[in-house]
Protein backbone atom coordinates (compact mmCIF):
# COMPACT_ATOMS: atom_id res chain seq x y z
CA MET A 1 13.04 -6.29 -6.44
CA SER A 2 9.90 -6.97 -8.41
CA LEU A 3 9.93 -7.99 -12.15
CA LEU A 4 8.51 -4.54 -13.05
CA ASP A 5 11.43 -2.82 -11.38
CA ARG A 6 13.87 -5.06 -13.20
CA LEU A 7 12.24 -4.22 -16.50
CA ARG A 8 12.28 -0.55 -15.84
CA ARG A 9 15.93 -0.56 -15.00
CA PRO A 10 18.18 0.21 -18.02
CA ALA A 11 20.00 -2.74 -19.44
CA ALA A 12 23.78 -2.91 -18.78
CA ALA A 13 25.55 -1.67 -21.74
CA ALA A 14 27.42 -4.36 -23.73
CA PRO A 15 31.15 -3.71 -23.99
CA VAL A 16 32.03 -1.80 -27.26
CA PRO A 17 34.30 -3.83 -29.54
CA ALA A 18 37.79 -2.25 -30.07
CA PRO A 19 37.25 -1.64 -33.86
CA ASP A 20 34.09 0.41 -32.90
CA LEU A 21 36.12 2.43 -30.40
CA GLU A 22 38.62 3.30 -33.13
CA LEU A 23 35.89 4.28 -35.49
CA ARG A 24 34.04 6.22 -32.96
CA ALA A 25 37.34 8.13 -32.10
CA ARG A 26 38.01 8.71 -35.84
CA ARG A 27 34.51 9.99 -36.26
CA ASP A 28 34.86 12.30 -33.31
CA ARG A 29 38.00 13.75 -34.91
CA LEU A 30 36.49 14.23 -38.15
CA VAL A 31 33.48 15.95 -36.70
CA GLU A 32 35.74 18.39 -34.83
CA ARG A 33 37.95 18.85 -38.02
CA PHE A 34 34.79 19.55 -40.10
CA ALA A 35 33.49 22.11 -37.77
CA LEU A 36 36.84 23.94 -37.61
CA MET A 37 37.24 23.88 -41.31
CA GLN A 38 33.70 25.12 -41.78
CA ALA A 39 34.29 28.01 -39.40
CA ASP A 40 37.59 28.79 -41.01
CA LEU A 41 35.83 28.93 -44.51
CA GLY A 42 33.17 31.26 -43.18
CA GLY A 43 35.72 33.49 -41.55
CA LEU A 44 37.88 33.51 -44.81
CA TYR A 45 34.87 34.53 -46.78
CA TYR A 46 34.07 37.36 -44.29
CA GLU A 47 37.59 38.63 -44.33
CA MET A 48 37.68 38.72 -48.13
CA ALA A 49 34.17 40.37 -48.32
CA ILE A 50 34.97 43.23 -45.89
CA ARG A 51 38.14 43.93 -47.87
CA ASP A 52 36.14 43.77 -51.11
CA HIS A 53 38.59 41.18 -52.52
CA VAL A 54 36.77 37.84 -52.77
CA ARG A 55 38.92 35.15 -54.35
CA PRO A 56 36.67 32.42 -55.70
CA ASP A 57 39.58 30.11 -56.45
CA VAL A 58 40.80 30.13 -52.81
CA LEU A 59 37.19 29.69 -51.58
CA SER A 60 36.62 26.74 -53.97
CA ARG A 61 39.83 25.11 -52.84
CA LYS A 62 38.98 25.38 -49.23
CA ALA A 63 35.38 24.11 -49.86
CA ALA A 64 36.81 21.09 -51.74
CA GLU A 65 38.98 20.32 -48.67
CA LEU A 66 35.95 20.58 -46.45
CA GLN A 67 33.97 18.38 -48.75
CA ALA A 68 36.64 15.66 -48.58
CA VAL A 69 36.48 15.58 -44.88
CA GLU A 70 32.74 15.45 -44.97
CA LEU A 71 32.87 12.46 -47.35
CA GLU A 72 35.29 10.67 -45.06
CA LEU A 73 33.06 11.38 -42.17
CA ARG A 74 30.00 9.94 -43.92
CA ALA A 75 31.92 6.83 -44.80
CA VAL A 76 32.95 6.38 -41.14
CA GLU A 77 29.40 6.99 -40.00
CA ARG A 78 28.16 4.38 -42.57
CA LEU A 79 30.64 1.87 -41.19
CA LEU A 80 29.43 2.54 -37.54
CA GLN A 81 25.83 2.09 -38.54
CA SER A 82 26.38 -1.08 -40.40
CA GLY A 83 28.66 -2.66 -37.74
CA ASP A 84 31.02 -3.90 -40.49
CA GLY A 85 34.22 -2.50 -39.13
CA LEU A 86 37.03 -0.72 -40.91
CA ALA A 87 39.05 -2.58 -43.58
CA GLU A 88 42.79 -2.79 -43.29
CA HIS A 89 43.29 -0.39 -46.35
CA PRO A 90 41.28 2.45 -47.57
CA CYS A 91 40.15 2.53 -51.29
CA PRO A 92 43.03 2.46 -53.57
CA THR A 93 41.46 4.98 -55.88
CA CYS A 94 40.12 7.74 -53.57
CA SER A 95 41.53 6.75 -50.24
CA ALA A 96 38.09 6.74 -48.73
CA PRO A 97 37.57 4.38 -45.63
CA ALA A 98 36.15 1.01 -46.60
CA GLY A 99 34.29 -1.68 -44.68
CA ARG A 100 35.68 -5.26 -44.28
CA SER A 101 32.89 -6.70 -46.38
CA ASP A 102 32.85 -4.08 -49.10
CA ALA A 103 33.73 -5.10 -52.58
CA PHE A 104 33.30 -1.75 -53.97
CA CYS A 105 34.02 1.76 -52.63
CA ALA A 106 30.93 3.55 -51.35
CA HIS A 107 32.45 6.94 -52.47
CA CYS A 108 33.88 6.44 -55.92
CA GLY A 109 32.68 2.92 -56.78
CA GLY A 110 36.14 1.51 -57.51
CA ALA A 111 36.93 -2.00 -56.81
CA LEU A 112 38.45 -2.59 -53.26
CA SER A 113 39.86 -6.13 -53.92
CA PRO A 114 42.04 -7.14 -56.89
CA ARG A 115 40.14 -8.79 -59.81
CA VAL A 116 40.91 -12.27 -60.85
CA ASN A 117 39.61 -13.27 -64.20
CA GLY A 118 37.25 -10.29 -64.10
CA VAL A 119 35.74 -11.17 -60.66
CA VAL A 120 36.40 -9.27 -57.56
CA GLY A 121 37.83 -11.52 -54.84
């Protein structure tokens, strides 16, 4: 096999670390959940509209639930892109997933580590 043939061949994929597999599985579950919730919200609005009984309070609550899933999905995608990996515990303030090296939550800005003498650590 010539050098040119070897260069054209795709490189063997490096094994994916276990934390990445966990994050990817979580992302896939969130994508599926988001799509289902979005379809349910559209169906709910449709059913309300054809009965001429639209309830903004119900729609707003469902939209807020959908938004929470979207925010978690964004956080997981950010962790996958950064390669940081998932921290042991989510944000204590908003429960958003956090990276191992994050000092503050990307969602709410809250401190992820306890403060000692005013310093996060």
